[in-house]
Amino acid sequence: MKKKAAAAAVQHPVTKEEMREIISEQAFSESILSIEPSLTSGKWQLLKPDGTTPLQYPPSMPDEIFWQLRFEPAKWIAEKHIVKVYVGTDGLRQDEFLRGDHPNTLFRGSIATASLEATIINTKYVNSNPLDRISREFQTNGLNLSKQTMSNWTVWSAKRYLLLVYKLMKLL
């Protein structure tokens, strides 16, 4: 009921007759004895003495917000790297192949990325899945990667990168 009176006051000043009409339509008949004096005296601070309201917009209920969790299966992103190759034409580099800078990779000539190897290590050692099961899971998502290749990558990663971390941890 207060909401209806305030909504009307946003559009134009509410007269006492309009206020009584809104109260009689929206409230119990005996409520007119308490609602009208509360609105006109400023006790509820919804209406000013001139029948306008300090509200800028009609009052409304708060929006309902809810969350949902959506699962997206693994997706593979193929990164294409182009390394320019030139043939030297003069000086010391004549008839030599010259290559531009090559981005750093986990293993030279391999499709392995740090994120892919981290996924394999996490799935194998944290989630306790055998490499065969990981390979089948990858195949269902369109990536043919043998368990032998994943095993080699994991051993090479351990020797090349993780062994250094292990040795530093032992020192502490």
N, C-alpha and C. Protein backbone atom coordinates (compact mmCIF):
# COMPACT_ATOMS: atom_id res chain seq x y z
N MET A 1 0.82 -1.18 0.00
CA MET A 1 0.00 0.00 0.00
C MET A 1 0.87 1.25 0.00
N LYS A 2 1.88 1.28 0.90
CA LYS A 2 2.80 2.42 0.93
C LYS A 2 3.49 2.53 -0.43
N LYS A 3 3.75 1.41 -1.02
CA LYS A 3 4.42 1.37 -2.31
C LYS A 3 3.55 2.04 -3.37
N LYS A 4 2.25 1.77 -3.35
CA LYS A 4 1.34 2.34 -4.35
C LYS A 4 1.25 3.86 -4.19
N ALA A 5 1.18 4.34 -2.95
CA ALA A 5 1.11 5.79 -2.70
C ALA A 5 2.40 6.46 -3.14
N ALA A 6 3.54 5.85 -2.84
CA ALA A 6 4.83 6.43 -3.24
C ALA A 6 4.98 6.40 -4.76
N ALA A 7 4.50 5.34 -5.41
CA ALA A 7 4.58 5.25 -6.87
C ALA A 7 3.74 6.35 -7.51
N ALA A 8 2.58 6.61 -6.97
CA ALA A 8 1.74 7.68 -7.50
C ALA A 8 2.41 9.04 -7.28
N ALA A 9 3.06 9.23 -6.15
CA ALA A 9 3.71 10.50 -5.83
C ALA A 9 4.93 10.76 -6.70
N VAL A 10 5.53 9.72 -7.27
CA VAL A 10 6.65 9.90 -8.18
C VAL A 10 6.17 10.59 -9.45
N GLN A 11 4.96 10.24 -9.90
CA GLN A 11 4.42 10.78 -11.14
C GLN A 11 3.85 12.19 -10.96
N HIS A 12 3.18 12.44 -9.84
CA HIS A 12 2.57 13.73 -9.57
C HIS A 12 2.27 13.85 -8.08
N PRO A 13 2.09 15.08 -7.57
CA PRO A 13 1.75 15.21 -6.15
C PRO A 13 0.43 14.49 -5.83
N VAL A 14 0.42 13.75 -4.73
CA VAL A 14 -0.77 12.98 -4.34
C VAL A 14 -1.66 13.87 -3.46
N THR A 15 -2.93 13.93 -3.81
CA THR A 15 -3.88 14.69 -2.99
C THR A 15 -4.37 13.80 -1.87
N LYS A 16 -5.02 14.42 -0.87
CA LYS A 16 -5.56 13.64 0.26
C LYS A 16 -6.63 12.68 -0.22
N GLU A 17 -7.40 13.10 -1.23
CA GLU A 17 -8.46 12.23 -1.76
C GLU A 17 -7.85 10.99 -2.44
N GLU A 18 -6.79 11.21 -3.24
CA GLU A 18 -6.11 10.08 -3.88
C GLU A 18 -5.53 9.14 -2.83
N MET A 19 -4.93 9.72 -1.79
CA MET A 19 -4.34 8.92 -0.73
C MET A 19 -5.40 8.07 -0.05
N ARG A 20 -6.55 8.65 0.26
CA ARG A 20 -7.65 7.90 0.91
C ARG A 20 -8.14 6.78 -0.01
N GLU A 21 -8.22 7.09 -1.31
CA GLU A 21 -8.68 6.09 -2.28
C GLU A 21 -7.71 4.91 -2.34
N ILE A 22 -6.42 5.20 -2.40
CA ILE A 22 -5.41 4.14 -2.45
C ILE A 22 -5.46 3.31 -1.18
N ILE A 23 -5.60 3.98 -0.02
CA ILE A 23 -5.65 3.26 1.26
C ILE A 23 -6.88 2.38 1.32
N SER A 24 -8.04 2.89 0.90
CA SER A 24 -9.27 2.09 0.98
C SER A 24 -9.23 0.90 0.02
N GLU A 25 -8.54 1.06 -1.14
CA GLU A 25 -8.44 -0.05 -2.09
C GLU A 25 -7.42 -1.10 -1.65
N GLN A 26 -6.34 -0.67 -1.05
CA GLN A 26 -5.21 -1.56 -0.79
C GLN A 26 -5.11 -2.06 0.65
N ALA A 27 -5.75 -1.37 1.61
CA ALA A 27 -5.56 -1.73 3.01
C ALA A 27 -6.89 -2.12 3.64
N PHE A 28 -6.81 -2.58 4.90
CA PHE A 28 -8.03 -2.87 5.65
C PHE A 28 -8.72 -1.54 5.97
N SER A 29 -10.01 -1.58 6.11
CA SER A 29 -10.77 -0.35 6.30
C SER A 29 -10.35 0.43 7.54
N GLU A 30 -10.02 -0.26 8.61
CA GLU A 30 -9.60 0.46 9.82
C GLU A 30 -8.18 1.01 9.72
N SER A 31 -7.42 0.59 8.70
CA SER A 31 -6.05 1.06 8.54
C SER A 31 -5.97 2.52 8.15
N ILE A 32 -7.05 3.06 7.62
CA ILE A 32 -7.03 4.46 7.22
C ILE A 32 -6.74 5.37 8.40
N LEU A 33 -7.09 4.89 9.63
CA LEU A 33 -6.86 5.69 10.84
C LEU A 33 -5.37 5.82 11.16
N SER A 34 -4.54 4.85 10.77
CA SER A 34 -3.11 4.93 11.09
C SER A 34 -2.23 5.23 9.88
N ILE A 35 -2.64 4.78 8.70
CA ILE A 35 -1.79 4.95 7.52
C ILE A 35 -1.75 6.41 7.07
N GLU A 36 -2.94 7.02 6.92
CA GLU A 36 -2.97 8.41 6.42
C GLU A 36 -2.20 9.36 7.33
N PRO A 37 -2.38 9.32 8.67
CA PRO A 37 -1.59 10.22 9.52
C PRO A 37 -0.08 9.94 9.45
N SER A 38 0.31 8.67 9.30
CA SER A 38 1.74 8.34 9.21
C SER A 38 2.35 8.88 7.93
N LEU A 39 1.58 8.86 6.83
CA LEU A 39 2.09 9.38 5.57
C LEU A 39 2.14 10.91 5.58
N THR A 40 1.10 11.55 6.08
CA THR A 40 1.04 13.02 6.03
C THR A 40 1.94 13.68 7.07
N SER A 41 2.16 13.03 8.18
CA SER A 41 3.00 13.64 9.23
C SER A 41 4.50 13.50 8.94
N GLY A 42 4.85 12.66 7.98
CA GLY A 42 6.26 12.46 7.67
C GLY A 42 6.89 11.36 8.50
N LYS A 43 6.07 10.63 9.28
CA LYS A 43 6.60 9.54 10.11
C LYS A 43 7.27 8.47 9.24
N TRP A 44 6.64 8.18 8.09
CA TRP A 44 7.20 7.17 7.20
C TRP A 44 8.12 7.77 6.14
N GLN A 45 8.18 9.04 6.01
CA GLN A 45 9.06 9.77 5.11
C GLN A 45 8.94 9.32 3.65
N LEU A 46 7.74 8.93 3.26
CA LEU A 46 7.51 8.58 1.86
C LEU A 46 6.89 9.74 1.10
N LEU A 47 6.15 10.61 1.80
CA LEU A 47 5.52 11.75 1.16
C LEU A 47 5.91 13.03 1.88
N LYS A 48 6.15 14.07 1.09
CA LYS A 48 6.40 15.40 1.65
C LYS A 48 5.05 16.05 1.91
N PRO A 49 5.00 17.13 2.66
CA PRO A 49 3.71 17.80 2.94
C PRO A 49 2.97 18.25 1.68
N ASP A 50 3.70 18.52 0.59
CA ASP A 50 3.02 18.96 -0.64
C ASP A 50 2.50 17.80 -1.49
N GLY A 51 2.65 16.55 -1.03
CA GLY A 51 2.12 15.38 -1.75
C GLY A 51 3.12 14.76 -2.71
N THR A 52 4.34 15.29 -2.80
CA THR A 52 5.37 14.69 -3.63
C THR A 52 6.20 13.72 -2.78
N THR A 53 7.12 13.04 -3.42
CA THR A 53 7.94 12.06 -2.70
C THR A 53 9.42 12.33 -2.95
N PRO A 54 10.28 12.03 -1.98
CA PRO A 54 11.72 12.17 -2.22
C PRO A 54 12.26 11.06 -3.13
N LEU A 55 11.45 10.05 -3.41
CA LEU A 55 11.89 8.95 -4.27
C LEU A 55 11.97 9.43 -5.72
N GLN A 56 12.98 8.98 -6.44
CA GLN A 56 13.12 9.36 -7.85
C GLN A 56 12.39 8.39 -8.76
N TYR A 57 12.29 7.13 -8.33
CA TYR A 57 11.67 6.10 -9.16
C TYR A 57 10.61 5.39 -8.33
N PRO A 58 9.60 4.83 -8.98
CA PRO A 58 8.60 4.07 -8.22
C PRO A 58 9.27 2.93 -7.47
N PRO A 59 8.86 2.69 -6.22
CA PRO A 59 9.49 1.60 -5.45
C PRO A 59 9.20 0.25 -6.10
N SER A 60 10.16 -0.63 -6.00
CA SER A 60 9.98 -1.97 -6.56
C SER A 60 10.68 -2.97 -5.66
N MET A 61 10.34 -4.21 -5.86
CA MET A 61 10.99 -5.28 -5.12
C MET A 61 12.38 -5.50 -5.69
N PRO A 62 13.32 -5.94 -4.90
CA PRO A 62 14.67 -6.18 -5.43
C PRO A 62 14.64 -7.32 -6.44
N ASP A 63 15.54 -7.23 -7.41
CA ASP A 63 15.64 -8.29 -8.41
C ASP A 63 16.10 -9.58 -7.76
N GLU A 64 15.63 -10.67 -8.29
CA GLU A 64 16.06 -11.98 -7.80
C GLU A 64 17.30 -12.38 -8.57
N ILE A 65 18.34 -12.69 -7.84
CA ILE A 65 19.60 -13.10 -8.46
C ILE A 65 19.86 -14.55 -8.07
N PHE A 66 20.21 -15.36 -9.06
CA PHE A 66 20.57 -16.74 -8.76
C PHE A 66 21.74 -17.15 -9.63
N TRP A 67 22.48 -18.12 -9.15
CA TRP A 67 23.67 -18.60 -9.84
C TRP A 67 23.43 -20.02 -10.32
N GLN A 68 24.03 -20.34 -11.45
CA GLN A 68 24.03 -21.71 -11.95
C GLN A 68 25.47 -22.05 -12.33
N LEU A 69 25.79 -23.30 -12.25
CA LEU A 69 27.13 -23.75 -12.62
C LEU A 69 27.02 -24.55 -13.91
N ARG A 70 27.72 -24.09 -14.93
CA ARG A 70 27.67 -24.74 -16.23
C ARG A 70 29.03 -25.40 -16.48
N PHE A 71 28.99 -26.61 -16.98
CA PHE A 71 30.22 -27.34 -17.29
C PHE A 71 30.47 -27.28 -18.79
N GLU A 72 31.68 -26.92 -19.16
CA GLU A 72 32.09 -26.98 -20.55
C GLU A 72 33.18 -28.02 -20.66
N PRO A 73 32.97 -29.04 -21.49
CA PRO A 73 34.01 -30.06 -21.62
C PRO A 73 35.30 -29.45 -22.13
N ALA A 74 36.37 -30.18 -21.91
CA ALA A 74 37.69 -29.68 -22.31
C ALA A 74 37.68 -29.28 -23.78
N LYS A 75 38.33 -28.18 -24.06
CA LYS A 75 38.46 -27.80 -25.46
C LYS A 75 39.93 -27.58 -25.75
N TRP A 76 40.31 -27.94 -26.93
CA TRP A 76 41.70 -27.85 -27.33
C TRP A 76 41.87 -26.64 -28.21
N ILE A 77 42.90 -25.88 -27.96
CA ILE A 77 43.20 -24.70 -28.77
C ILE A 77 44.55 -24.93 -29.43
N ALA A 78 44.55 -25.01 -30.75
CA ALA A 78 45.79 -25.20 -31.49
C ALA A 78 46.41 -23.84 -31.73
N GLU A 79 47.61 -23.64 -31.21
CA GLU A 79 48.32 -22.38 -31.39
C GLU A 79 49.25 -22.50 -32.58
N LYS A 80 49.09 -21.62 -33.54
CA LYS A 80 49.93 -21.64 -34.73
C LYS A 80 51.04 -20.61 -34.55
N HIS A 81 52.27 -21.07 -34.63
CA HIS A 81 53.43 -20.18 -34.52
C HIS A 81 54.15 -20.19 -35.86
N ILE A 82 54.45 -19.02 -36.37
CA ILE A 82 55.16 -18.92 -37.65
C ILE A 82 56.55 -18.35 -37.37
N VAL A 83 57.56 -19.09 -37.80
CA VAL A 83 58.94 -18.65 -37.65
C VAL A 83 59.46 -18.39 -39.06
N LYS A 84 59.82 -17.17 -39.33
CA LYS A 84 60.30 -16.79 -40.66
C LYS A 84 61.66 -17.44 -40.93
N VAL A 85 61.84 -17.93 -42.16
CA VAL A 85 63.10 -18.54 -42.57
C VAL A 85 63.58 -17.78 -43.81
N TYR A 86 64.85 -17.39 -43.78
CA TYR A 86 65.44 -16.64 -44.89
C TYR A 86 66.72 -17.34 -45.34
N VAL A 87 67.15 -17.04 -46.55
CA VAL A 87 68.43 -17.53 -47.04
C VAL A 87 69.36 -16.33 -47.13
N GLY A 88 70.55 -16.47 -46.49
CA GLY A 88 71.52 -15.38 -46.54
C GLY A 88 72.02 -15.18 -47.96
N THR A 89 72.20 -13.92 -48.35
CA THR A 89 72.60 -13.65 -49.74
C THR A 89 73.98 -13.01 -49.86
N ASP A 90 74.55 -12.58 -48.76
CA ASP A 90 75.86 -11.95 -48.89
C ASP A 90 76.67 -12.12 -47.61
N GLY A 91 77.93 -11.87 -47.69
CA GLY A 91 78.78 -11.90 -46.51
C GLY A 91 78.99 -13.29 -45.95
N LEU A 92 79.16 -13.35 -44.63
CA LEU A 92 79.46 -14.61 -43.96
C LEU A 92 78.29 -15.58 -43.98
N ARG A 93 77.10 -15.08 -44.11
CA ARG A 93 75.90 -15.92 -44.03
C ARG A 93 75.36 -16.31 -45.41
N GLN A 94 76.13 -16.16 -46.42
CA GLN A 94 75.66 -16.47 -47.78
C GLN A 94 75.31 -17.95 -47.88
N ASP A 95 74.16 -18.20 -48.45
CA ASP A 95 73.62 -19.56 -48.66
C ASP A 95 73.32 -20.30 -47.36
N GLU A 96 73.20 -19.62 -46.26
CA GLU A 96 72.79 -20.24 -44.99
C GLU A 96 71.31 -19.95 -44.76
N PHE A 97 70.66 -20.87 -44.07
CA PHE A 97 69.28 -20.62 -43.68
C PHE A 97 69.29 -19.84 -42.38
N LEU A 98 68.57 -18.74 -42.35
CA LEU A 98 68.46 -17.92 -41.16
C LEU A 98 67.02 -17.98 -40.66
N ARG A 99 66.86 -18.22 -39.39
CA ARG A 99 65.52 -18.33 -38.82
C ARG A 99 65.28 -17.18 -37.84
N GLY A 100 64.02 -16.74 -37.80
CA GLY A 100 63.62 -15.74 -36.82
C GLY A 100 63.56 -16.36 -35.44
N ASP A 101 63.24 -15.55 -34.45
CA ASP A 101 63.14 -16.06 -33.08
C ASP A 101 62.02 -17.08 -32.98
N HIS A 102 62.30 -18.14 -32.30
CA HIS A 102 61.34 -19.23 -32.08
C HIS A 102 60.80 -19.09 -30.67
N PRO A 103 59.49 -19.19 -30.48
CA PRO A 103 58.97 -19.09 -29.11
C PRO A 103 59.47 -20.25 -28.25
N ASN A 104 59.67 -19.98 -26.97
CA ASN A 104 60.12 -21.04 -26.07
C ASN A 104 59.04 -22.10 -25.97
N THR A 105 59.46 -23.35 -26.02
CA THR A 105 58.52 -24.48 -25.91
C THR A 105 59.00 -25.40 -24.80
N LEU A 106 58.11 -26.25 -24.36
CA LEU A 106 58.44 -27.20 -23.31
C LEU A 106 59.49 -28.20 -23.82
N PHE A 107 59.22 -28.78 -24.99
CA PHE A 107 60.13 -29.73 -25.63
C PHE A 107 60.21 -29.37 -27.11
N ARG A 108 61.39 -29.22 -27.63
CA ARG A 108 61.59 -28.80 -29.03
C ARG A 108 60.87 -29.76 -29.98
N GLY A 109 60.06 -29.19 -30.88
CA GLY A 109 59.37 -29.99 -31.89
C GLY A 109 58.15 -30.74 -31.39
N SER A 110 57.71 -30.46 -30.18
CA SER A 110 56.59 -31.19 -29.58
C SER A 110 55.36 -30.30 -29.51
N ILE A 111 54.18 -30.91 -29.52
CA ILE A 111 52.94 -30.13 -29.36
C ILE A 111 52.65 -29.85 -27.89
N ALA A 112 53.49 -30.37 -27.01
CA ALA A 112 53.26 -30.20 -25.57
C ALA A 112 53.38 -28.74 -25.16
N THR A 113 52.44 -28.31 -24.35
CA THR A 113 52.51 -26.98 -23.73
C THR A 113 52.53 -27.18 -22.22
N ALA A 114 52.88 -26.14 -21.51
CA ALA A 114 52.92 -26.24 -20.05
C ALA A 114 51.53 -26.59 -19.50
N SER A 115 50.48 -26.01 -20.08
CA SER A 115 49.13 -26.28 -19.57
C SER A 115 48.71 -27.73 -19.85
N LEU A 116 49.10 -28.27 -21.01
CA LEU A 116 48.76 -29.65 -21.33
C LEU A 116 49.50 -30.61 -20.40
N GLU A 117 50.80 -30.37 -20.19
CA GLU A 117 51.57 -31.24 -19.29
C GLU A 117 51.08 -31.11 -17.86
N ALA A 118 50.69 -29.91 -17.43
CA ALA A 118 50.15 -29.73 -16.08
C ALA A 118 48.85 -30.50 -15.92
N THR A 119 48.04 -30.53 -16.97
CA THR A 119 46.78 -31.30 -16.93
C THR A 119 47.08 -32.79 -16.79
N ILE A 120 48.05 -33.27 -17.54
CA ILE A 120 48.41 -34.70 -17.48
C ILE A 120 48.93 -35.05 -16.09
N ILE A 121 49.85 -34.24 -15.56
CA ILE A 121 50.42 -34.51 -14.23
C ILE A 121 49.34 -34.45 -13.15
N ASN A 122 48.49 -33.44 -13.23
CA ASN A 122 47.41 -33.30 -12.25
C ASN A 122 46.45 -34.49 -12.31
N THR A 123 46.06 -34.87 -13.52
CA THR A 123 45.11 -35.98 -13.66
C THR A 123 45.73 -37.30 -13.19
N LYS A 124 47.01 -37.48 -13.50
CA LYS A 124 47.66 -38.75 -13.11
C LYS A 124 47.95 -38.81 -11.61
N TYR A 125 48.57 -37.78 -11.07
CA TYR A 125 49.07 -37.88 -9.70
C TYR A 125 48.11 -37.32 -8.64
N VAL A 126 47.31 -36.35 -8.98
CA VAL A 126 46.36 -35.81 -7.99
C VAL A 126 45.05 -36.59 -8.04
N ASN A 127 44.57 -36.86 -9.26
CA ASN A 127 43.29 -37.58 -9.40
C ASN A 127 43.47 -39.09 -9.52
N SER A 128 44.71 -39.56 -9.52
CA SER A 128 45.03 -41.00 -9.54
C SER A 128 44.46 -41.74 -10.75
N ASN A 129 44.49 -41.11 -11.90
CA ASN A 129 44.04 -41.77 -13.12
C ASN A 129 45.24 -42.32 -13.88
N PRO A 130 45.16 -43.56 -14.36
CA PRO A 130 46.27 -44.10 -15.14
C PRO A 130 46.36 -43.40 -16.51
N LEU A 131 47.53 -43.43 -17.11
CA LEU A 131 47.74 -42.76 -18.39
C LEU A 131 46.84 -43.32 -19.48
N ASP A 132 46.53 -44.61 -19.41
CA ASP A 132 45.64 -45.20 -20.41
C ASP A 132 44.26 -44.54 -20.37
N ARG A 133 43.75 -44.33 -19.17
CA ARG A 133 42.44 -43.69 -19.01
C ARG A 133 42.49 -42.23 -19.46
N ILE A 134 43.59 -41.55 -19.16
CA ILE A 134 43.75 -40.16 -19.60
C ILE A 134 43.78 -40.11 -21.12
N SER A 135 44.49 -41.05 -21.75
CA SER A 135 44.57 -41.11 -23.21
C SER A 135 43.19 -41.31 -23.82
N ARG A 136 42.39 -42.22 -23.25
CA ARG A 136 41.02 -42.45 -23.75
C ARG A 136 40.14 -41.22 -23.57
N GLU A 137 40.31 -40.52 -22.45
CA GLU A 137 39.55 -39.28 -22.20
C GLU A 137 39.91 -38.23 -23.25
N PHE A 138 41.20 -38.11 -23.55
CA PHE A 138 41.62 -37.16 -24.58
C PHE A 138 41.04 -37.54 -25.94
N GLN A 139 41.01 -38.86 -26.23
CA GLN A 139 40.48 -39.31 -27.52
C GLN A 139 39.00 -38.96 -27.66
N THR A 140 38.24 -39.05 -26.57
CA THR A 140 36.82 -38.68 -26.65
C THR A 140 36.65 -37.20 -26.95
N ASN A 141 37.66 -36.40 -26.65
CA ASN A 141 37.60 -34.97 -26.94
C ASN A 141 38.38 -34.61 -28.21
N GLY A 142 38.76 -35.62 -28.99
CA GLY A 142 39.37 -35.37 -30.29
C GLY A 142 40.88 -35.26 -30.33
N LEU A 143 41.57 -35.61 -29.25
CA LEU A 143 43.03 -35.52 -29.23
C LEU A 143 43.60 -36.93 -29.10
N ASN A 144 44.31 -37.38 -30.13
CA ASN A 144 44.94 -38.69 -30.10
C ASN A 144 46.35 -38.54 -29.53
N LEU A 145 46.49 -38.92 -28.29
CA LEU A 145 47.75 -38.78 -27.58
C LEU A 145 47.99 -40.08 -26.84
N SER A 146 49.06 -40.78 -27.20
CA SER A 146 49.31 -42.10 -26.61
C SER A 146 49.81 -41.98 -25.18
N LYS A 147 49.62 -43.06 -24.44
CA LYS A 147 50.11 -43.06 -23.05
C LYS A 147 51.63 -43.04 -23.01
N GLN A 148 52.29 -43.60 -24.03
CA GLN A 148 53.75 -43.57 -24.08
C GLN A 148 54.26 -42.12 -24.23
N THR A 149 53.61 -41.36 -25.09
CA THR A 149 54.00 -39.95 -25.29
C THR A 149 53.80 -39.17 -24.00
N MET A 150 52.65 -39.36 -23.36
CA MET A 150 52.39 -38.65 -22.09
C MET A 150 53.39 -39.06 -21.03
N SER A 151 53.76 -40.36 -21.00
CA SER A 151 54.75 -40.83 -20.04
C SER A 151 56.10 -40.17 -20.29
N ASN A 152 56.53 -40.12 -21.56
CA ASN A 152 57.80 -39.47 -21.90
C ASN A 152 57.79 -38.00 -21.48
N TRP A 153 56.72 -37.30 -21.80
CA TRP A 153 56.62 -35.88 -21.42
C TRP A 153 56.73 -35.69 -19.91
N THR A 154 56.07 -36.56 -19.17
CA THR A 154 56.08 -36.44 -17.72
C THR A 154 57.48 -36.69 -17.15
N VAL A 155 58.17 -37.71 -17.67
CA VAL A 155 59.54 -38.00 -17.22
C VAL A 155 60.46 -36.84 -17.60
N TRP A 156 60.36 -36.36 -18.84
CA TRP A 156 61.20 -35.24 -19.27
C TRP A 156 60.92 -33.99 -18.45
N SER A 157 59.65 -33.73 -18.16
CA SER A 157 59.29 -32.56 -17.34
C SER A 157 59.88 -32.68 -15.95
N ALA A 158 59.81 -33.88 -15.39
CA ALA A 158 60.35 -34.10 -14.05
C ALA A 158 61.87 -33.86 -14.04
N LYS A 159 62.56 -34.39 -15.05
CA LYS A 159 64.01 -34.21 -15.11
C LYS A 159 64.41 -32.78 -15.41
N ARG A 160 63.74 -32.16 -16.37
CA ARG A 160 64.14 -30.84 -16.83
C ARG A 160 63.69 -29.70 -15.92
N TYR A 161 62.47 -29.79 -15.38
CA TYR A 161 61.90 -28.66 -14.63
C TYR A 161 61.67 -28.95 -13.14
N LEU A 162 61.07 -30.09 -12.86
CA LEU A 162 60.66 -30.35 -11.48
C LEU A 162 61.81 -30.78 -10.58
N LEU A 163 62.85 -31.39 -11.14
CA LEU A 163 64.00 -31.80 -10.34
C LEU A 163 64.67 -30.60 -9.69
N LEU A 164 64.74 -29.48 -10.41
CA LEU A 164 65.33 -28.26 -9.87
C LEU A 164 64.53 -27.77 -8.65
N VAL A 165 63.23 -27.81 -8.77
CA VAL A 165 62.36 -27.38 -7.66
C VAL A 165 62.54 -28.33 -6.47
N TYR A 166 62.61 -29.62 -6.75
CA TYR A 166 62.79 -30.62 -5.70
C TYR A 166 64.10 -30.38 -4.95
N LYS A 167 65.18 -30.12 -5.69
CA LYS A 167 66.48 -29.90 -5.05
C LYS A 167 66.47 -28.64 -4.19
N LEU A 168 65.83 -27.58 -4.68
CA LEU A 168 65.71 -26.34 -3.89
C LEU A 168 64.90 -26.57 -2.61
N MET A 169 63.87 -27.37 -2.72
CA MET A 169 63.04 -27.67 -1.54
C MET A 169 63.83 -28.46 -0.51
N LYS A 170 64.69 -29.35 -0.96
CA LYS A 170 65.51 -30.14 -0.03
C LYS A 170 66.49 -29.26 0.74
N LEU A 171 66.97 -28.19 0.07
CA LEU A 171 67.90 -27.28 0.72
C LEU A 171 67.23 -26.49 1.85
N LEU A 172 65.96 -26.23 1.71
CA LEU A 172 65.25 -25.46 2.73
C LEU A 172 64.92 -26.38 3.86
